[in-house]
Amino acid sequence: IKSLIPYNAHQLLVADRYGLSLFDGKTLQTFTGSSASALQHHTVSHGIRLSQDILLITTRDNGCYFIRNNGDLLKHINIDNGLQSNDIHYAYQDHYGDLWLALDNGIAYLEINT
């Protein structure tokens, strides 16, 4: 397991290297939506909640994904659109709401709260 993210009052979003699932304390069910197919062939490395409705999921091989609570993919950032590396180990949201990504070859800063 790479991350456990509060999803709602009764569930956790479980991010493991195979993708995302919802856990209610008893059962684990696959997280659905357009993001599920986007993440299917990539190795999840970390995840954080950015806001009440938006999650950030990072991967070891294809950058990061901004995902709505309903599973819809908002944005995908990787080397094709400006990231230094597709290998993200960790993500941190600072008190301004911007992102810092720990990459395999350095640090990336994403100003998302403008």
N, C-alpha and C. Protein backbone atom coordinates (compact mmCIF):
# COMPACT_ATOMS: atom_id res chain seq x y z
N ILE A 1 0.85 -1.18 0.00
CA ILE A 1 0.00 0.00 0.00
C ILE A 1 0.89 1.23 0.00
N LYS A 2 0.59 2.14 -0.92
CA LYS A 2 1.37 3.37 -1.06
C LYS A 2 0.76 4.54 -0.31
N SER A 3 -0.57 4.62 -0.26
CA SER A 3 -1.26 5.70 0.45
C SER A 3 -2.65 5.25 0.87
N LEU A 4 -3.10 5.79 2.01
CA LEU A 4 -4.48 5.68 2.46
C LEU A 4 -5.00 7.10 2.57
N ILE A 5 -6.04 7.41 1.81
CA ILE A 5 -6.55 8.78 1.74
C ILE A 5 -8.01 8.77 2.18
N PRO A 6 -8.38 9.59 3.17
CA PRO A 6 -9.80 9.67 3.53
C PRO A 6 -10.62 10.03 2.28
N TYR A 7 -11.62 9.21 1.99
CA TYR A 7 -12.43 9.41 0.79
C TYR A 7 -13.75 10.08 1.15
N ASN A 8 -14.41 9.55 2.15
CA ASN A 8 -15.63 10.14 2.69
C ASN A 8 -15.73 9.71 4.15
N ALA A 9 -16.87 9.92 4.78
CA ALA A 9 -17.01 9.61 6.21
C ALA A 9 -16.89 8.12 6.51
N HIS A 10 -17.06 7.27 5.49
CA HIS A 10 -17.11 5.82 5.73
C HIS A 10 -16.09 5.02 4.94
N GLN A 11 -15.29 5.67 4.09
CA GLN A 11 -14.37 4.92 3.23
C GLN A 11 -13.00 5.58 3.15
N LEU A 12 -12.01 4.73 2.89
CA LEU A 12 -10.66 5.18 2.58
C LEU A 12 -10.37 4.83 1.13
N LEU A 13 -9.64 5.70 0.46
CA LEU A 13 -9.13 5.39 -0.87
C LEU A 13 -7.77 4.74 -0.65
N VAL A 14 -7.61 3.54 -1.14
CA VAL A 14 -6.37 2.79 -0.99
C VAL A 14 -5.62 2.87 -2.32
N ALA A 15 -4.42 3.40 -2.27
CA ALA A 15 -3.57 3.46 -3.45
C ALA A 15 -2.46 2.43 -3.26
N ASP A 16 -2.43 1.45 -4.13
CA ASP A 16 -1.32 0.51 -4.11
C ASP A 16 -0.69 0.50 -5.49
N ARG A 17 0.34 -0.26 -5.69
CA ARG A 17 1.06 -0.19 -6.96
C ARG A 17 0.23 -0.62 -8.15
N TYR A 18 -0.90 -1.25 -7.91
CA TYR A 18 -1.76 -1.73 -8.99
C TYR A 18 -2.89 -0.77 -9.35
N GLY A 19 -3.13 0.25 -8.51
CA GLY A 19 -4.21 1.18 -8.79
C GLY A 19 -4.90 1.63 -7.53
N LEU A 20 -6.20 1.91 -7.65
CA LEU A 20 -6.98 2.49 -6.56
C LEU A 20 -8.17 1.62 -6.20
N SER A 21 -8.47 1.57 -4.90
CA SER A 21 -9.62 0.83 -4.39
C SER A 21 -10.25 1.63 -3.26
N LEU A 22 -11.50 1.33 -2.97
CA LEU A 22 -12.19 1.93 -1.83
C LEU A 22 -12.36 0.86 -0.75
N PHE A 23 -12.07 1.23 0.50
CA PHE A 23 -12.16 0.30 1.63
C PHE A 23 -13.11 0.88 2.67
N ASP A 24 -14.12 0.11 3.05
CA ASP A 24 -15.12 0.58 4.01
C ASP A 24 -14.93 -0.03 5.41
N GLY A 25 -13.81 -0.66 5.63
CA GLY A 25 -13.54 -1.32 6.90
C GLY A 25 -13.73 -2.82 6.84
N LYS A 26 -14.47 -3.26 5.82
CA LYS A 26 -14.73 -4.69 5.65
C LYS A 26 -14.40 -5.17 4.24
N THR A 27 -14.82 -4.41 3.25
CA THR A 27 -14.64 -4.85 1.87
C THR A 27 -13.82 -3.84 1.08
N LEU A 28 -13.15 -4.36 0.07
CA LEU A 28 -12.33 -3.56 -0.84
C LEU A 28 -12.96 -3.65 -2.21
N GLN A 29 -13.29 -2.50 -2.80
CA GLN A 29 -13.86 -2.51 -4.15
C GLN A 29 -13.05 -1.61 -5.06
N THR A 30 -12.98 -1.96 -6.31
CA THR A 30 -12.19 -1.21 -7.29
C THR A 30 -12.77 0.19 -7.47
N PHE A 31 -11.89 1.18 -7.48
CA PHE A 31 -12.27 2.56 -7.74
C PHE A 31 -12.53 2.68 -9.23
N THR A 32 -13.67 3.24 -9.61
CA THR A 32 -14.04 3.31 -11.02
C THR A 32 -13.94 4.73 -11.55
N GLY A 33 -14.13 4.88 -12.85
CA GLY A 33 -14.07 6.18 -13.51
C GLY A 33 -12.98 6.17 -14.56
N SER A 34 -12.87 7.27 -15.28
CA SER A 34 -11.89 7.36 -16.37
C SER A 34 -10.46 7.25 -15.85
N SER A 35 -10.25 7.61 -14.59
CA SER A 35 -8.90 7.52 -14.03
C SER A 35 -8.45 6.07 -13.84
N ALA A 36 -9.38 5.18 -13.59
CA ALA A 36 -9.04 3.77 -13.36
C ALA A 36 -8.36 3.18 -14.59
N SER A 37 -8.88 3.45 -15.77
CA SER A 37 -8.26 2.92 -16.99
C SER A 37 -6.94 3.62 -17.28
N ALA A 38 -6.83 4.91 -16.93
CA ALA A 38 -5.59 5.65 -17.15
C ALA A 38 -4.46 5.11 -16.27
N LEU A 39 -4.78 4.68 -15.07
CA LEU A 39 -3.78 4.18 -14.13
C LEU A 39 -3.50 2.69 -14.27
N GLN A 40 -4.33 2.00 -15.01
CA GLN A 40 -4.30 0.54 -15.08
C GLN A 40 -2.92 -0.04 -15.40
N HIS A 41 -2.17 0.57 -16.28
CA HIS A 41 -0.89 0.00 -16.72
C HIS A 41 0.31 0.74 -16.14
N HIS A 42 0.10 1.48 -15.05
CA HIS A 42 1.18 2.25 -14.44
C HIS A 42 1.31 1.92 -12.96
N THR A 43 2.49 2.13 -12.41
CA THR A 43 2.76 1.80 -11.02
C THR A 43 2.53 3.00 -10.12
N VAL A 44 1.50 2.94 -9.30
CA VAL A 44 1.17 4.03 -8.38
C VAL A 44 2.25 4.10 -7.29
N SER A 45 2.68 5.33 -6.98
CA SER A 45 3.71 5.51 -5.96
C SER A 45 3.22 6.27 -4.73
N HIS A 46 2.22 7.14 -4.89
CA HIS A 46 1.78 7.96 -3.76
C HIS A 46 0.45 8.61 -4.12
N GLY A 47 -0.25 9.11 -3.12
CA GLY A 47 -1.49 9.83 -3.35
C GLY A 47 -1.79 10.77 -2.21
N ILE A 48 -2.39 11.92 -2.53
CA ILE A 48 -2.81 12.88 -1.52
C ILE A 48 -4.12 13.53 -1.94
N ARG A 49 -4.85 14.04 -0.97
CA ARG A 49 -6.06 14.82 -1.25
C ARG A 49 -5.64 16.28 -1.38
N LEU A 50 -6.01 16.90 -2.49
CA LEU A 50 -5.68 18.30 -2.72
C LEU A 50 -6.79 19.23 -2.25
N SER A 51 -8.03 18.78 -2.38
CA SER A 51 -9.19 19.55 -1.94
C SER A 51 -10.30 18.57 -1.65
N GLN A 52 -11.45 19.08 -1.28
CA GLN A 52 -12.58 18.19 -0.95
C GLN A 52 -12.96 17.30 -2.14
N ASP A 53 -12.75 17.77 -3.35
CA ASP A 53 -13.18 17.03 -4.53
C ASP A 53 -12.04 16.51 -5.40
N ILE A 54 -10.79 16.86 -5.11
CA ILE A 54 -9.69 16.50 -6.01
C ILE A 54 -8.59 15.74 -5.28
N LEU A 55 -8.15 14.66 -5.93
CA LEU A 55 -7.05 13.83 -5.44
C LEU A 55 -5.89 13.93 -6.41
N LEU A 56 -4.69 13.72 -5.91
CA LEU A 56 -3.51 13.64 -6.77
C LEU A 56 -2.92 12.25 -6.57
N ILE A 57 -2.74 11.54 -7.67
CA ILE A 57 -2.11 10.22 -7.64
C ILE A 57 -0.84 10.30 -8.46
N THR A 58 0.28 9.88 -7.87
CA THR A 58 1.56 9.90 -8.58
C THR A 58 1.95 8.49 -8.97
N THR A 59 2.79 8.39 -10.01
CA THR A 59 3.23 7.08 -10.47
C THR A 59 4.75 7.04 -10.59
N ARG A 60 5.28 5.84 -10.70
CA ARG A 60 6.71 5.64 -10.87
C ARG A 60 7.10 5.67 -12.35
N ASP A 61 6.10 5.70 -13.25
CA ASP A 61 6.43 5.58 -14.67
C ASP A 61 5.63 6.45 -15.62
N ASN A 62 4.70 7.28 -15.09
CA ASN A 62 3.91 8.12 -16.00
C ASN A 62 3.40 9.40 -15.34
N GLY A 63 4.23 10.02 -14.51
CA GLY A 63 3.88 11.31 -13.94
C GLY A 63 2.78 11.26 -12.90
N CYS A 64 1.89 12.27 -12.92
CA CYS A 64 0.83 12.35 -11.92
C CYS A 64 -0.52 12.64 -12.56
N TYR A 65 -1.55 12.27 -11.81
CA TYR A 65 -2.93 12.38 -12.27
C TYR A 65 -3.75 13.16 -11.25
N PHE A 66 -4.48 14.16 -11.71
CA PHE A 66 -5.44 14.89 -10.89
C PHE A 66 -6.79 14.25 -11.15
N ILE A 67 -7.44 13.78 -10.08
CA ILE A 67 -8.66 12.98 -10.20
C ILE A 67 -9.76 13.55 -9.32
N ARG A 68 -10.97 13.62 -9.85
CA ARG A 68 -12.13 14.01 -9.05
C ARG A 68 -12.56 12.84 -8.17
N ASN A 69 -13.29 13.13 -7.11
CA ASN A 69 -13.79 12.08 -6.21
C ASN A 69 -14.61 11.03 -6.94
N ASN A 70 -15.30 11.41 -8.01
CA ASN A 70 -16.13 10.45 -8.73
C ASN A 70 -15.31 9.55 -9.67
N GLY A 71 -13.98 9.76 -9.70
CA GLY A 71 -13.11 8.92 -10.53
C GLY A 71 -12.74 9.52 -11.86
N ASP A 72 -13.34 10.64 -12.22
CA ASP A 72 -13.02 11.28 -13.51
C ASP A 72 -11.63 11.88 -13.49
N LEU A 73 -10.92 11.70 -14.58
CA LEU A 73 -9.58 12.26 -14.74
C LEU A 73 -9.68 13.72 -15.14
N LEU A 74 -9.06 14.61 -14.34
CA LEU A 74 -9.04 16.04 -14.65
C LEU A 74 -7.84 16.41 -15.50
N LYS A 75 -6.66 15.95 -15.10
CA LYS A 75 -5.44 16.34 -15.78
C LYS A 75 -4.36 15.29 -15.53
N HIS A 76 -3.53 15.12 -16.53
CA HIS A 76 -2.39 14.21 -16.43
C HIS A 76 -1.14 15.01 -16.78
N ILE A 77 -0.17 15.01 -15.88
CA ILE A 77 1.09 15.73 -16.13
C ILE A 77 2.23 14.72 -16.13
N ASN A 78 3.02 14.77 -17.22
CA ASN A 78 4.19 13.90 -17.33
C ASN A 78 5.26 14.61 -18.16
N ILE A 79 6.27 13.89 -18.60
CA ILE A 79 7.36 14.54 -19.34
C ILE A 79 6.89 15.11 -20.68
N ASP A 80 5.80 14.59 -21.21
CA ASP A 80 5.28 15.10 -22.48
C ASP A 80 4.74 16.53 -22.38
N ASN A 81 4.36 16.95 -21.17
CA ASN A 81 3.85 18.31 -21.01
C ASN A 81 4.55 19.09 -19.90
N GLY A 82 5.85 18.82 -19.71
CA GLY A 82 6.66 19.69 -18.88
C GLY A 82 7.33 19.13 -17.64
N LEU A 83 6.97 17.95 -17.19
CA LEU A 83 7.59 17.39 -16.00
C LEU A 83 9.00 16.89 -16.34
N GLN A 84 9.95 17.03 -15.42
CA GLN A 84 11.33 16.61 -15.64
C GLN A 84 11.48 15.11 -15.75
N SER A 85 10.61 14.36 -15.06
CA SER A 85 10.70 12.90 -15.01
C SER A 85 9.31 12.33 -14.80
N ASN A 86 9.08 11.14 -15.28
CA ASN A 86 7.82 10.45 -15.04
C ASN A 86 7.82 9.69 -13.72
N ASP A 87 8.99 9.58 -13.07
CA ASP A 87 9.16 8.79 -11.85
C ASP A 87 9.02 9.69 -10.62
N ILE A 88 7.82 9.68 -10.02
CA ILE A 88 7.53 10.50 -8.85
C ILE A 88 7.46 9.61 -7.62
N HIS A 89 8.25 9.94 -6.61
CA HIS A 89 8.28 9.14 -5.39
C HIS A 89 7.31 9.65 -4.33
N TYR A 90 7.09 10.97 -4.29
CA TYR A 90 6.29 11.55 -3.21
C TYR A 90 5.75 12.90 -3.66
N ALA A 91 4.59 13.27 -3.13
CA ALA A 91 3.99 14.58 -3.42
C ALA A 91 3.65 15.27 -2.11
N TYR A 92 3.83 16.59 -2.10
CA TYR A 92 3.52 17.40 -0.92
C TYR A 92 2.82 18.67 -1.38
N GLN A 93 1.72 19.01 -0.72
CA GLN A 93 1.02 20.27 -1.00
C GLN A 93 1.37 21.26 0.11
N ASP A 94 1.94 22.41 -0.27
CA ASP A 94 2.36 23.40 0.74
C ASP A 94 1.18 24.24 1.20
N HIS A 95 1.43 25.15 2.14
CA HIS A 95 0.35 25.95 2.72
C HIS A 95 -0.24 26.97 1.74
N TYR A 96 0.39 27.16 0.58
CA TYR A 96 -0.17 28.00 -0.47
C TYR A 96 -1.08 27.20 -1.41
N GLY A 97 -1.06 25.87 -1.26
CA GLY A 97 -1.85 25.00 -2.12
C GLY A 97 -1.10 24.50 -3.33
N ASP A 98 0.18 24.85 -3.43
CA ASP A 98 0.98 24.41 -4.57
C ASP A 98 1.65 23.07 -4.27
N LEU A 99 2.15 22.42 -5.31
CA LEU A 99 2.69 21.06 -5.18
C LEU A 99 4.20 21.01 -5.32
N TRP A 100 4.79 20.15 -4.53
CA TRP A 100 6.20 19.80 -4.63
C TRP A 100 6.24 18.30 -4.87
N LEU A 101 6.96 17.89 -5.91
CA LEU A 101 7.06 16.48 -6.27
C LEU A 101 8.50 16.01 -6.12
N ALA A 102 8.69 14.92 -5.39
CA ALA A 102 10.01 14.31 -5.27
C ALA A 102 10.17 13.33 -6.42
N LEU A 103 11.06 13.66 -7.34
CA LEU A 103 11.28 12.85 -8.53
C LEU A 103 12.51 11.97 -8.35
N ASP A 104 12.73 11.07 -9.27
CA ASP A 104 13.93 10.24 -9.20
C ASP A 104 15.19 11.04 -9.48
N ASN A 105 15.06 12.21 -10.11
CA ASN A 105 16.23 13.00 -10.47
C ASN A 105 16.17 14.45 -9.97
N GLY A 106 15.38 14.71 -8.92
CA GLY A 106 15.29 16.06 -8.39
C GLY A 106 13.91 16.37 -7.83
N ILE A 107 13.61 17.67 -7.79
CA ILE A 107 12.34 18.14 -7.24
C ILE A 107 11.63 18.98 -8.31
N ALA A 108 10.32 18.81 -8.38
CA ALA A 108 9.51 19.63 -9.28
C ALA A 108 8.52 20.43 -8.45
N TYR A 109 8.27 21.66 -8.89
CA TYR A 109 7.31 22.55 -8.23
C TYR A 109 6.20 22.84 -9.23
N LEU A 110 4.95 22.62 -8.82
CA LEU A 110 3.79 22.92 -9.65
C LEU A 110 2.95 23.97 -8.96
N GLU A 111 2.83 25.13 -9.55
CA GLU A 111 2.01 26.20 -9.01
C GLU A 111 0.59 25.97 -9.48
N ILE A 112 -0.24 25.38 -8.62
CA ILE A 112 -1.60 25.02 -9.03
C ILE A 112 -2.65 25.89 -8.38
N ASN A 113 -2.28 26.67 -7.40
CA ASN A 113 -3.25 27.45 -6.65
C ASN A 113 -3.21 28.93 -7.02
N THR A 114 -3.30 29.22 -8.33
CA THR A 114 -3.25 30.61 -8.78
C THR A 114 -4.61 31.08 -9.24
